[in-house]
Amino acid sequence: TKIGERYRVFCGRIATAYDFVLDKKTCGKSLGKYVPSIDREVLQATGSESARYWALDSVFGDMEFSPEDKLIDVGCGKGRILAHLERKHFPGQLYGIELNPIVADYAKSWADKYDNITIYSGDAFKLNYDEYTVIMLCRPFLEEMYLKFLDKLESEITHPVRVICYVDNYMAKHIKGKPGWTMHKQEILFKKGPIAYSYYPFRYSTWTYDPTNK
């Protein structure tokens, strides 16, 4: 309906303005512009679309971290998830890897002023993930490549890690029931009070992968 569409447009403007203010405060620049994938055919990378801060408040609101934690955002884009965690005083080290070198450089341009943030530019499949304790997957790949990435994680990781699947429309279903994987939470994100910050409800889920439990 026209009223429904006007409401969505209004909410989108409010959420975008809120994101812009927090971007400027933490990063000194906006992280909001969508950037298409540079390799959707071979590496099946998705485009760079920044998560809403209100959504990230829900995802990370009840999580606790320690100075020993090392979190990596796979397909970090311009780095808003890292900016959110920095704003919330993440006590450990933050990392991001981004395939698109222009987008990675954009993330580096603000992240370099923080001693606990490192941005890598390159193919996420060329990293070893055993050194990290938290892995953020914000739908970085299309489904076929995502399955290959899960195989890579399981072949490399030797200790328990937390895995966060954001927009898990196909990610969670491939983890459920797999040996070593335990779901802690799966919830729907859509609104902050009366403001719908997304056009459609979407899910996220949090997991532990423990290779010693397989």
N, C-alpha and C. Protein backbone atom coordinates (compact mmCIF):
# COMPACT_ATOMS: atom_id res chain seq x y z
N THR A 1 0.83 -1.19 0.00
CA THR A 1 0.00 0.00 0.00
C THR A 1 0.87 1.24 0.00
N LYS A 2 0.24 2.38 -0.36
CA LYS A 2 0.99 3.63 -0.38
C LYS A 2 1.45 4.01 1.03
N ILE A 3 0.56 3.77 2.03
CA ILE A 3 0.94 4.08 3.41
C ILE A 3 2.11 3.21 3.83
N GLY A 4 2.06 1.92 3.48
CA GLY A 4 3.14 1.00 3.83
C GLY A 4 4.45 1.40 3.19
N GLU A 5 4.38 1.80 1.93
CA GLU A 5 5.60 2.21 1.24
C GLU A 5 6.15 3.51 1.83
N ARG A 6 5.28 4.44 2.16
CA ARG A 6 5.73 5.68 2.79
C ARG A 6 6.39 5.40 4.13
N TYR A 7 5.81 4.46 4.87
CA TYR A 7 6.39 4.08 6.17
C TYR A 7 7.79 3.48 5.97
N ARG A 8 7.96 2.62 4.99
CA ARG A 8 9.25 2.00 4.73
C ARG A 8 10.29 3.05 4.32
N VAL A 9 9.87 3.98 3.48
CA VAL A 9 10.79 5.04 3.05
C VAL A 9 11.18 5.92 4.24
N PHE A 10 10.20 6.27 5.05
CA PHE A 10 10.48 7.08 6.24
C PHE A 10 11.45 6.36 7.17
N CYS A 11 11.18 5.08 7.45
CA CYS A 11 12.05 4.31 8.33
C CYS A 11 13.45 4.19 7.75
N GLY A 12 13.53 3.97 6.44
CA GLY A 12 14.84 3.85 5.80
C GLY A 12 15.66 5.12 5.95
N ARG A 13 15.00 6.26 5.84
CA ARG A 13 15.71 7.54 5.99
C ARG A 13 16.20 7.74 7.42
N ILE A 14 15.36 7.36 8.39
CA ILE A 14 15.76 7.50 9.79
C ILE A 14 16.95 6.59 10.10
N ALA A 15 16.86 5.33 9.66
CA ALA A 15 17.94 4.38 9.93
C ALA A 15 19.23 4.79 9.23
N THR A 16 19.12 5.30 8.02
CA THR A 16 20.30 5.75 7.28
C THR A 16 20.95 6.94 7.95
N ALA A 17 20.13 7.86 8.43
CA ALA A 17 20.66 9.03 9.14
C ALA A 17 21.37 8.62 10.42
N TYR A 18 20.78 7.67 11.14
CA TYR A 18 21.40 7.17 12.38
C TYR A 18 22.74 6.51 12.07
N ASP A 19 22.77 5.68 11.02
CA ASP A 19 24.02 5.03 10.61
C ASP A 19 25.08 6.06 10.23
N PHE A 20 24.67 7.09 9.51
CA PHE A 20 25.60 8.11 9.07
C PHE A 20 26.25 8.82 10.26
N VAL A 21 25.44 9.15 11.26
CA VAL A 21 25.97 9.83 12.44
C VAL A 21 27.00 8.96 13.15
N LEU A 22 26.71 7.67 13.33
CA LEU A 22 27.65 6.79 14.02
C LEU A 22 28.89 6.51 13.16
N ASP A 23 28.71 6.40 11.84
CA ASP A 23 29.87 6.26 10.95
C ASP A 23 30.83 7.43 11.12
N LYS A 24 30.27 8.64 11.08
CA LYS A 24 31.11 9.84 11.17
C LYS A 24 31.82 9.90 12.53
N LYS A 25 31.12 9.49 13.58
CA LYS A 25 31.70 9.55 14.91
C LYS A 25 32.85 8.58 15.07
N THR A 26 32.70 7.36 14.54
CA THR A 26 33.72 6.32 14.71
C THR A 26 34.76 6.33 13.61
N CYS A 27 34.32 6.59 12.38
CA CYS A 27 35.19 6.42 11.22
C CYS A 27 35.58 7.73 10.53
N GLY A 28 34.84 8.78 10.82
CA GLY A 28 35.12 10.05 10.15
C GLY A 28 34.57 10.14 8.76
N LYS A 29 33.85 9.12 8.32
CA LYS A 29 33.26 9.10 6.97
C LYS A 29 32.11 8.10 6.94
N SER A 30 31.28 8.20 5.91
CA SER A 30 30.15 7.30 5.77
C SER A 30 30.60 5.95 5.21
N LEU A 31 29.98 4.88 5.71
CA LEU A 31 30.24 3.52 5.21
C LEU A 31 29.02 2.94 4.51
N GLY A 32 28.07 3.78 4.17
CA GLY A 32 26.76 3.29 3.76
C GLY A 32 26.59 2.91 2.31
N LYS A 33 27.45 3.36 1.41
CA LYS A 33 27.20 3.14 -0.02
C LYS A 33 27.38 1.67 -0.40
N TYR A 34 26.41 1.12 -1.14
CA TYR A 34 26.50 -0.26 -1.63
C TYR A 34 27.51 -0.34 -2.77
N VAL A 35 28.34 -1.39 -2.74
CA VAL A 35 29.32 -1.62 -3.81
C VAL A 35 29.10 -3.03 -4.35
N PRO A 36 28.82 -3.19 -5.66
CA PRO A 36 28.57 -4.53 -6.22
C PRO A 36 29.80 -5.42 -6.13
N SER A 37 29.56 -6.72 -6.22
CA SER A 37 30.66 -7.70 -6.21
C SER A 37 31.54 -7.54 -7.43
N ILE A 38 32.85 -7.78 -7.27
CA ILE A 38 33.76 -7.76 -8.42
C ILE A 38 33.99 -9.17 -8.96
N ASP A 39 33.46 -10.20 -8.29
CA ASP A 39 33.65 -11.57 -8.76
C ASP A 39 32.50 -12.45 -8.26
N ARG A 40 31.39 -12.38 -8.96
CA ARG A 40 30.22 -13.15 -8.56
C ARG A 40 30.19 -14.52 -9.23
N GLU A 41 31.02 -14.72 -10.26
CA GLU A 41 30.99 -15.96 -11.03
C GLU A 41 31.97 -17.00 -10.48
N VAL A 42 33.22 -16.64 -10.30
CA VAL A 42 34.25 -17.61 -9.91
C VAL A 42 34.32 -17.76 -8.39
N LEU A 43 34.61 -16.67 -7.69
CA LEU A 43 34.70 -16.72 -6.23
C LEU A 43 33.35 -16.56 -5.55
N GLN A 44 32.34 -16.19 -6.32
CA GLN A 44 30.96 -16.07 -5.83
C GLN A 44 30.85 -15.13 -4.63
N ALA A 45 31.60 -14.05 -4.68
CA ALA A 45 31.55 -13.06 -3.60
C ALA A 45 30.31 -12.20 -3.75
N THR A 46 29.70 -11.85 -2.62
CA THR A 46 28.54 -10.95 -2.66
C THR A 46 29.02 -9.50 -2.62
N GLY A 47 28.11 -8.58 -2.86
CA GLY A 47 28.45 -7.17 -2.84
C GLY A 47 28.65 -6.66 -1.43
N SER A 48 29.14 -5.41 -1.33
CA SER A 48 29.41 -4.79 -0.04
C SER A 48 28.22 -3.93 0.37
N GLU A 49 27.44 -4.43 1.33
CA GLU A 49 26.28 -3.70 1.84
C GLU A 49 26.39 -3.64 3.36
N SER A 50 26.52 -2.46 3.91
CA SER A 50 26.78 -2.31 5.33
C SER A 50 25.56 -2.67 6.18
N ALA A 51 25.80 -3.41 7.26
CA ALA A 51 24.75 -3.75 8.21
C ALA A 51 24.29 -2.50 8.96
N ARG A 52 23.05 -2.51 9.40
CA ARG A 52 22.52 -1.42 10.21
C ARG A 52 23.07 -1.52 11.63
N TYR A 53 23.42 -0.38 12.20
CA TYR A 53 23.90 -0.39 13.59
C TYR A 53 22.84 -0.93 14.54
N TRP A 54 21.58 -0.61 14.31
CA TRP A 54 20.54 -1.12 15.19
C TRP A 54 20.50 -2.65 15.15
N ALA A 55 20.70 -3.24 13.97
CA ALA A 55 20.74 -4.69 13.87
C ALA A 55 21.93 -5.25 14.63
N LEU A 56 23.08 -4.60 14.50
CA LEU A 56 24.29 -5.07 15.17
C LEU A 56 24.17 -4.95 16.69
N ASP A 57 23.42 -3.97 17.17
CA ASP A 57 23.14 -3.89 18.61
C ASP A 57 22.48 -5.18 19.09
N SER A 58 21.55 -5.70 18.30
CA SER A 58 20.86 -6.93 18.68
C SER A 58 21.78 -8.14 18.60
N VAL A 59 22.59 -8.20 17.55
CA VAL A 59 23.47 -9.36 17.35
C VAL A 59 24.50 -9.48 18.47
N PHE A 60 25.13 -8.36 18.81
CA PHE A 60 26.25 -8.40 19.75
C PHE A 60 25.87 -7.99 21.18
N GLY A 61 24.61 -7.62 21.39
CA GLY A 61 24.22 -7.03 22.66
C GLY A 61 24.48 -7.89 23.88
N ASP A 62 24.31 -9.22 23.77
CA ASP A 62 24.49 -10.07 24.94
C ASP A 62 25.78 -10.90 24.87
N MET A 63 26.66 -10.58 23.94
CA MET A 63 27.91 -11.32 23.83
C MET A 63 28.99 -10.69 24.70
N GLU A 64 29.80 -11.53 25.29
CA GLU A 64 30.93 -11.06 26.07
C GLU A 64 32.23 -11.49 25.39
N PHE A 65 33.21 -10.58 25.41
CA PHE A 65 34.50 -10.85 24.78
C PHE A 65 35.62 -10.56 25.77
N SER A 66 36.78 -11.14 25.50
CA SER A 66 37.93 -10.97 26.37
C SER A 66 39.08 -10.35 25.58
N PRO A 67 40.12 -9.87 26.27
CA PRO A 67 41.29 -9.34 25.56
C PRO A 67 42.00 -10.37 24.69
N GLU A 68 41.76 -11.65 24.94
CA GLU A 68 42.39 -12.70 24.13
C GLU A 68 41.62 -12.98 22.84
N ASP A 69 40.43 -12.43 22.70
CA ASP A 69 39.63 -12.72 21.52
C ASP A 69 40.19 -12.05 20.27
N LYS A 70 40.12 -12.79 19.17
CA LYS A 70 40.51 -12.27 17.85
C LYS A 70 39.33 -12.55 16.92
N LEU A 71 38.65 -11.49 16.52
CA LEU A 71 37.46 -11.61 15.66
C LEU A 71 37.81 -11.20 14.24
N ILE A 72 37.39 -12.03 13.28
CA ILE A 72 37.58 -11.67 11.88
C ILE A 72 36.24 -11.63 11.18
N ASP A 73 36.01 -10.55 10.44
CA ASP A 73 34.82 -10.37 9.61
C ASP A 73 35.20 -10.76 8.18
N VAL A 74 34.65 -11.87 7.72
CA VAL A 74 34.97 -12.40 6.39
C VAL A 74 34.12 -11.68 5.35
N GLY A 75 34.76 -10.96 4.44
CA GLY A 75 34.04 -10.10 3.51
C GLY A 75 33.57 -8.85 4.23
N CYS A 76 34.51 -8.14 4.83
CA CYS A 76 34.17 -7.06 5.76
C CYS A 76 33.65 -5.80 5.08
N GLY A 77 33.77 -5.71 3.75
CA GLY A 77 33.31 -4.51 3.07
C GLY A 77 34.04 -3.28 3.58
N LYS A 78 33.29 -2.22 3.82
CA LYS A 78 33.89 -0.97 4.29
C LYS A 78 34.12 -0.98 5.80
N GLY A 79 33.68 -2.06 6.47
CA GLY A 79 34.06 -2.27 7.86
C GLY A 79 33.09 -1.83 8.92
N ARG A 80 31.79 -1.77 8.61
CA ARG A 80 30.88 -1.25 9.63
C ARG A 80 30.76 -2.18 10.84
N ILE A 81 30.84 -3.47 10.64
CA ILE A 81 30.78 -4.38 11.79
C ILE A 81 31.97 -4.13 12.71
N LEU A 82 33.13 -3.93 12.13
CA LEU A 82 34.32 -3.62 12.92
C LEU A 82 34.16 -2.26 13.61
N ALA A 83 33.57 -1.30 12.91
CA ALA A 83 33.33 0.02 13.51
C ALA A 83 32.38 -0.08 14.70
N HIS A 84 31.35 -0.91 14.55
CA HIS A 84 30.40 -1.10 15.65
C HIS A 84 31.10 -1.68 16.87
N LEU A 85 31.93 -2.70 16.65
CA LEU A 85 32.61 -3.34 17.77
C LEU A 85 33.64 -2.40 18.40
N GLU A 86 34.30 -1.61 17.58
CA GLU A 86 35.23 -0.61 18.11
C GLU A 86 34.48 0.41 18.97
N ARG A 87 33.33 0.84 18.49
CA ARG A 87 32.51 1.80 19.23
C ARG A 87 32.06 1.23 20.57
N LYS A 88 31.87 -0.09 20.61
CA LYS A 88 31.44 -0.76 21.84
C LYS A 88 32.63 -1.23 22.69
N HIS A 89 33.84 -0.79 22.32
CA HIS A 89 35.05 -1.07 23.11
C HIS A 89 35.39 -2.56 23.15
N PHE A 90 35.41 -3.18 21.99
CA PHE A 90 35.83 -4.58 21.89
C PHE A 90 37.22 -4.71 22.52
N PRO A 91 37.41 -5.64 23.47
CA PRO A 91 38.66 -5.67 24.22
C PRO A 91 39.82 -6.37 23.52
N GLY A 92 39.53 -7.15 22.47
CA GLY A 92 40.58 -7.90 21.80
C GLY A 92 41.00 -7.27 20.48
N GLN A 93 41.37 -8.11 19.53
CA GLN A 93 41.82 -7.66 18.22
C GLN A 93 40.74 -7.92 17.17
N LEU A 94 40.57 -6.94 16.26
CA LEU A 94 39.58 -7.02 15.20
C LEU A 94 40.28 -7.11 13.84
N TYR A 95 39.75 -7.98 12.98
CA TYR A 95 40.32 -8.17 11.65
C TYR A 95 39.18 -8.21 10.63
N GLY A 96 39.49 -7.79 9.43
CA GLY A 96 38.56 -7.92 8.32
C GLY A 96 39.33 -8.30 7.07
N ILE A 97 38.69 -9.09 6.21
CA ILE A 97 39.29 -9.38 4.91
C ILE A 97 38.25 -9.07 3.84
N GLU A 98 38.68 -8.36 2.79
CA GLU A 98 37.78 -7.89 1.74
C GLU A 98 38.41 -8.15 0.38
N LEU A 99 37.64 -8.77 -0.52
CA LEU A 99 38.15 -9.13 -1.85
C LEU A 99 38.38 -7.92 -2.73
N ASN A 100 37.44 -6.98 -2.71
CA ASN A 100 37.52 -5.80 -3.57
C ASN A 100 38.60 -4.85 -3.03
N PRO A 101 39.70 -4.63 -3.75
CA PRO A 101 40.79 -3.82 -3.21
C PRO A 101 40.39 -2.37 -2.96
N ILE A 102 39.49 -1.83 -3.77
CA ILE A 102 39.05 -0.45 -3.57
C ILE A 102 38.27 -0.34 -2.27
N VAL A 103 37.38 -1.30 -2.01
CA VAL A 103 36.60 -1.31 -0.78
C VAL A 103 37.51 -1.56 0.43
N ALA A 104 38.47 -2.47 0.28
CA ALA A 104 39.42 -2.75 1.37
C ALA A 104 40.21 -1.49 1.72
N ASP A 105 40.64 -0.76 0.70
CA ASP A 105 41.38 0.48 0.95
C ASP A 105 40.51 1.51 1.67
N TYR A 106 39.23 1.53 1.34
CA TYR A 106 38.30 2.44 2.01
C TYR A 106 38.21 2.09 3.49
N ALA A 107 38.11 0.79 3.77
CA ALA A 107 38.07 0.35 5.17
C ALA A 107 39.36 0.71 5.89
N LYS A 108 40.48 0.49 5.23
CA LYS A 108 41.78 0.81 5.83
C LYS A 108 41.90 2.31 6.12
N SER A 109 41.28 3.14 5.28
CA SER A 109 41.45 4.58 5.40
C SER A 109 40.94 5.11 6.73
N TRP A 110 39.96 4.43 7.33
CA TRP A 110 39.51 4.86 8.66
C TRP A 110 40.03 3.95 9.76
N ALA A 111 40.21 2.65 9.44
CA ALA A 111 40.58 1.68 10.48
C ALA A 111 42.03 1.82 10.92
N ASP A 112 42.88 2.39 10.07
CA ASP A 112 44.30 2.48 10.40
C ASP A 112 44.58 3.32 11.64
N LYS A 113 43.62 4.16 12.03
CA LYS A 113 43.86 4.98 13.23
C LYS A 113 43.63 4.21 14.52
N TYR A 114 43.10 2.98 14.40
CA TYR A 114 42.86 2.15 15.58
C TYR A 114 43.90 1.03 15.64
N ASP A 115 44.58 0.93 16.76
CA ASP A 115 45.66 -0.05 16.91
C ASP A 115 45.17 -1.49 16.91
N ASN A 116 43.90 -1.70 17.22
CA ASN A 116 43.40 -3.07 17.34
C ASN A 116 42.60 -3.53 16.12
N ILE A 117 42.66 -2.79 15.01
CA ILE A 117 41.95 -3.19 13.79
C ILE A 117 42.95 -3.41 12.66
N THR A 118 42.83 -4.56 11.99
CA THR A 118 43.66 -4.87 10.82
C THR A 118 42.76 -5.27 9.67
N ILE A 119 42.96 -4.65 8.51
CA ILE A 119 42.19 -4.97 7.31
C ILE A 119 43.11 -5.64 6.29
N TYR A 120 42.69 -6.81 5.81
CA TYR A 120 43.42 -7.50 4.76
C TYR A 120 42.67 -7.32 3.44
N SER A 121 43.42 -7.15 2.37
CA SER A 121 42.85 -7.07 1.03
C SER A 121 43.21 -8.35 0.29
N GLY A 122 42.19 -9.12 -0.12
CA GLY A 122 42.50 -10.35 -0.85
C GLY A 122 41.42 -11.40 -0.71
N ASP A 123 41.76 -12.60 -1.13
CA ASP A 123 40.86 -13.75 -1.19
C ASP A 123 40.75 -14.38 0.20
N ALA A 124 39.52 -14.48 0.71
CA ALA A 124 39.31 -15.04 2.04
C ALA A 124 39.74 -16.50 2.13
N PHE A 125 39.80 -17.19 1.02
CA PHE A 125 40.20 -18.59 1.03
C PHE A 125 41.71 -18.76 1.24
N LYS A 126 42.45 -17.69 1.17
CA LYS A 126 43.90 -17.79 1.34
C LYS A 126 44.36 -17.52 2.78
N LEU A 127 43.42 -17.24 3.66
CA LEU A 127 43.75 -17.09 5.08
C LEU A 127 43.57 -18.42 5.80
N ASN A 128 44.34 -18.59 6.88
CA ASN A 128 44.12 -19.71 7.79
C ASN A 128 43.36 -19.16 9.00
N TYR A 129 42.24 -19.79 9.35
CA TYR A 129 41.34 -19.24 10.37
C TYR A 129 41.55 -19.84 11.76
N ASP A 130 42.58 -20.64 11.91
CA ASP A 130 42.81 -21.29 13.20
C ASP A 130 43.28 -20.30 14.27
N GLU A 131 43.79 -19.14 13.86
CA GLU A 131 44.28 -18.19 14.86
C GLU A 131 43.18 -17.30 15.44
N TYR A 132 41.95 -17.41 14.92
CA TYR A 132 40.86 -16.55 15.36
C TYR A 132 39.95 -17.29 16.35
N THR A 133 39.28 -16.53 17.20
CA THR A 133 38.34 -17.12 18.16
C THR A 133 36.88 -16.81 17.82
N VAL A 134 36.66 -15.80 16.99
CA VAL A 134 35.31 -15.43 16.56
C VAL A 134 35.34 -15.17 15.06
N ILE A 135 34.42 -15.80 14.32
CA ILE A 135 34.36 -15.64 12.87
C ILE A 135 33.00 -15.09 12.50
N MET A 136 32.99 -13.94 11.85
CA MET A 136 31.75 -13.27 11.43
C MET A 136 31.52 -13.54 9.95
N LEU A 137 30.36 -14.10 9.63
CA LEU A 137 29.99 -14.39 8.25
C LEU A 137 28.72 -13.62 7.92
N CYS A 138 28.88 -12.51 7.24
CA CYS A 138 27.75 -11.68 6.85
C CYS A 138 27.39 -12.00 5.40
N ARG A 139 27.03 -13.26 5.16
CA ARG A 139 26.72 -13.77 3.82
C ARG A 139 27.78 -13.34 2.81
N PRO A 140 29.04 -13.71 3.03
CA PRO A 140 30.11 -13.22 2.14
C PRO A 140 30.17 -13.92 0.80
N PHE A 141 29.54 -15.11 0.70
CA PHE A 141 29.60 -15.88 -0.54
C PHE A 141 28.20 -16.35 -0.94
N LEU A 142 28.04 -16.65 -2.21
CA LEU A 142 26.86 -17.36 -2.64
C LEU A 142 26.94 -18.80 -2.12
N GLU A 143 25.84 -19.53 -2.21
CA GLU A 143 25.69 -20.77 -1.46
C GLU A 143 26.75 -21.82 -1.79
N GLU A 144 27.05 -22.03 -3.05
CA GLU A 144 28.01 -23.07 -3.43
C GLU A 144 29.39 -22.80 -2.83
N MET A 145 29.86 -21.55 -2.90
CA MET A 145 31.17 -21.22 -2.36
C MET A 145 31.15 -21.20 -0.84
N TYR A 146 30.02 -20.86 -0.26
CA TYR A 146 29.89 -20.90 1.19
C TYR A 146 30.12 -22.32 1.72
N LEU A 147 29.60 -23.32 1.03
CA LEU A 147 29.80 -24.71 1.45
C LEU A 147 31.29 -25.08 1.40
N LYS A 148 31.99 -24.61 0.39
CA LYS A 148 33.43 -24.86 0.31
C LYS A 148 34.17 -24.15 1.46
N PHE A 149 33.68 -22.97 1.82
CA PHE A 149 34.31 -22.25 2.92
C PHE A 149 34.09 -22.98 4.24
N LEU A 150 32.91 -23.55 4.45
CA LEU A 150 32.68 -24.34 5.65
C LEU A 150 33.64 -25.51 5.73
N ASP A 151 33.86 -26.18 4.60
CA ASP A 151 34.81 -27.29 4.57
C ASP A 151 36.21 -26.81 4.95
N LYS A 152 36.57 -25.63 4.46
CA LYS A 152 37.88 -25.06 4.78
C LYS A 152 38.00 -24.80 6.28
N LEU A 153 36.98 -24.20 6.87
CA LEU A 153 37.02 -23.93 8.31
C LEU A 153 37.20 -25.23 9.10
N GLU A 154 36.42 -26.23 8.75
CA GLU A 154 36.47 -27.48 9.49
C GLU A 154 37.81 -28.20 9.32
N SER A 155 38.47 -27.97 8.20
CA SER A 155 39.76 -28.62 7.97
C SER A 155 40.91 -27.92 8.70
N GLU A 156 40.73 -26.65 9.06
CA GLU A 156 41.81 -25.85 9.64
C GLU A 156 41.70 -25.66 11.15
N ILE A 157 40.48 -25.52 11.65
CA ILE A 157 40.30 -25.09 13.04
C ILE A 157 40.56 -26.25 13.99
N THR A 158 41.36 -25.98 15.02
CA THR A 158 41.76 -27.01 15.97
C THR A 158 41.25 -26.74 17.39
N HIS A 159 40.49 -25.68 17.59
CA HIS A 159 40.03 -25.29 18.92
C HIS A 159 38.62 -24.73 18.78
N PRO A 160 37.86 -24.60 19.87
CA PRO A 160 36.50 -24.04 19.78
C PRO A 160 36.52 -22.59 19.29
N VAL A 161 35.63 -22.27 18.36
CA VAL A 161 35.47 -20.90 17.88
C VAL A 161 33.98 -20.55 17.87
N ARG A 162 33.71 -19.25 18.04
CA ARG A 162 32.34 -18.77 17.86
C ARG A 162 32.16 -18.34 16.41
N VAL A 163 31.02 -18.67 15.84
CA VAL A 163 30.71 -18.30 14.46
C VAL A 163 29.37 -17.58 14.46
N ILE A 164 29.34 -16.40 13.83
CA ILE A 164 28.12 -15.61 13.75
C ILE A 164 27.68 -15.57 12.29
N CYS A 165 26.48 -16.04 12.02
CA CYS A 165 25.92 -16.03 10.67
C CYS A 165 24.87 -14.93 10.59
N TYR A 166 25.17 -13.88 9.84
CA TYR A 166 24.29 -12.72 9.72
C TYR A 166 23.62 -12.77 8.36
N VAL A 167 22.30 -12.64 8.33
CA VAL A 167 21.47 -12.90 7.15
C VAL A 167 21.69 -14.36 6.74
N ASP A 168 21.24 -15.27 7.62
CA ASP A 168 21.56 -16.69 7.44
C ASP A 168 20.48 -17.45 6.68
N ASN A 169 19.98 -16.84 5.60
CA ASN A 169 18.90 -17.48 4.84
C ASN A 169 19.31 -18.83 4.26
N TYR A 170 20.59 -19.07 4.03
CA TYR A 170 21.02 -20.41 3.66
C TYR A 170 22.20 -20.89 4.48
N MET A 171 22.79 -20.04 5.29
CA MET A 171 23.99 -20.45 6.02
C MET A 171 23.66 -21.44 7.13
N ALA A 172 22.64 -21.14 7.95
CA ALA A 172 22.35 -21.97 9.11
C ALA A 172 21.94 -23.38 8.72
N LYS A 173 21.19 -23.51 7.64
CA LYS A 173 20.65 -24.83 7.30
C LYS A 173 21.76 -25.83 6.97
N HIS A 174 22.91 -25.33 6.53
CA HIS A 174 24.01 -26.23 6.20
C HIS A 174 24.89 -26.56 7.40
N ILE A 175 24.65 -25.87 8.53
CA ILE A 175 25.40 -26.15 9.75
C ILE A 175 24.61 -27.06 10.69
N LYS A 176 23.29 -26.89 10.72
CA LYS A 176 22.44 -27.66 11.62
C LYS A 176 22.69 -29.15 11.45
N GLY A 177 22.96 -29.81 12.58
CA GLY A 177 23.15 -31.25 12.55
C GLY A 177 24.55 -31.71 12.22
N LYS A 178 25.43 -30.78 11.83
CA LYS A 178 26.80 -31.17 11.52
C LYS A 178 27.56 -31.46 12.81
N PRO A 179 28.38 -32.49 12.83
CA PRO A 179 29.17 -32.80 14.04
C PRO A 179 30.07 -31.62 14.43
N GLY A 180 30.09 -31.31 15.72
CA GLY A 180 30.94 -30.25 16.23
C GLY A 180 30.28 -28.89 16.31
N TRP A 181 29.10 -28.72 15.68
CA TRP A 181 28.44 -27.42 15.65
C TRP A 181 27.30 -27.37 16.67
N THR A 182 27.24 -26.29 17.45
CA THR A 182 26.18 -26.08 18.43
C THR A 182 25.58 -24.70 18.24
N MET A 183 24.26 -24.64 18.02
CA MET A 183 23.59 -23.35 17.90
C MET A 183 23.27 -22.80 19.29
N HIS A 184 23.53 -21.51 19.48
CA HIS A 184 23.20 -20.85 20.72
C HIS A 184 21.97 -19.96 20.59
N LYS A 185 21.79 -19.38 19.43
CA LYS A 185 20.67 -18.45 19.25
C LYS A 185 20.38 -18.30 17.77
N GLN A 186 19.10 -18.17 17.45
CA GLN A 186 18.68 -17.81 16.09
C GLN A 186 17.46 -16.90 16.23
N GLU A 187 17.59 -15.67 15.74
CA GLU A 187 16.54 -14.68 15.93
C GLU A 187 16.27 -13.91 14.65
N ILE A 188 15.12 -13.25 14.64
CA ILE A 188 14.70 -12.43 13.51
C ILE A 188 15.01 -10.97 13.81
N LEU A 189 15.57 -10.28 12.84
CA LEU A 189 15.84 -8.85 12.95
C LEU A 189 14.96 -8.09 11.96
N PHE A 190 14.44 -6.94 12.41
CA PHE A 190 13.60 -6.15 11.52
C PHE A 190 13.40 -4.72 12.01
N LYS A 191 13.12 -4.55 13.32
CA LYS A 191 12.75 -3.25 13.86
C LYS A 191 13.55 -2.87 15.09
N LYS A 192 13.68 -1.57 15.30
CA LYS A 192 14.14 -0.99 16.55
C LYS A 192 13.01 -0.09 17.04
N GLY A 193 12.25 -0.56 18.01
CA GLY A 193 11.05 0.17 18.39
C GLY A 193 10.09 0.24 17.21
N PRO A 194 9.60 1.44 16.86
CA PRO A 194 8.67 1.57 15.73
C PRO A 194 9.36 1.66 14.37
N ILE A 195 10.70 1.74 14.37
CA ILE A 195 11.43 1.96 13.12
C ILE A 195 11.87 0.63 12.51
N ALA A 196 11.35 0.33 11.32
CA ALA A 196 11.77 -0.85 10.58
C ALA A 196 13.04 -0.50 9.81
N TYR A 197 14.20 -0.96 10.27
CA TYR A 197 15.46 -0.60 9.62
C TYR A 197 15.79 -1.49 8.43
N SER A 198 14.95 -2.50 8.19
CA SER A 198 15.12 -3.38 7.04
C SER A 198 13.80 -3.46 6.28
N TYR A 199 13.87 -3.65 4.95
CA TYR A 199 12.64 -3.80 4.18
C TYR A 199 11.91 -5.09 4.55
N TYR A 200 12.68 -6.13 4.88
CA TYR A 200 12.09 -7.42 5.20
C TYR A 200 12.77 -7.99 6.44
N PRO A 201 12.04 -8.76 7.26
CA PRO A 201 12.68 -9.45 8.39
C PRO A 201 13.75 -10.43 7.88
N PHE A 202 14.83 -10.56 8.63
CA PHE A 202 15.88 -11.52 8.27
C PHE A 202 16.45 -12.12 9.55
N ARG A 203 17.08 -13.26 9.41
CA ARG A 203 17.58 -13.99 10.58
C ARG A 203 19.08 -13.82 10.75
N TYR A 204 19.50 -14.04 11.98
CA TYR A 204 20.92 -14.28 12.25
C TYR A 204 21.00 -15.41 13.26
N SER A 205 22.15 -16.04 13.35
CA SER A 205 22.33 -17.13 14.30
C SER A 205 23.75 -17.12 14.82
N THR A 206 23.92 -17.63 16.04
CA THR A 206 25.25 -17.72 16.64
C THR A 206 25.53 -19.17 17.00
N TRP A 207 26.80 -19.56 16.83
CA TRP A 207 27.20 -20.96 16.95
C TRP A 207 28.55 -21.08 17.66
N THR A 208 28.81 -22.28 18.15
CA THR A 208 30.17 -22.67 18.49
C THR A 208 30.54 -23.87 17.60
N TYR A 209 31.71 -23.79 17.02
CA TYR A 209 32.24 -24.97 16.33
C TYR A 209 33.40 -25.49 17.16
N ASP A 210 33.29 -26.73 17.63
CA ASP A 210 34.32 -27.36 18.46
C ASP A 210 34.77 -28.65 17.80
N PRO A 211 35.95 -28.65 17.17
CA PRO A 211 36.39 -29.84 16.45
C PRO A 211 36.67 -31.04 17.37
N THR A 212 36.84 -30.77 18.66
CA THR A 212 37.06 -31.88 19.60
C THR A 212 35.77 -32.60 19.96
N ASN A 213 34.62 -32.06 19.51
CA ASN A 213 33.32 -32.64 19.80
C ASN A 213 32.75 -33.43 18.63
N LYS A 214 33.53 -33.63 17.62
CA LYS A 214 33.02 -34.30 16.41
C LYS A 214 32.96 -35.81 16.62
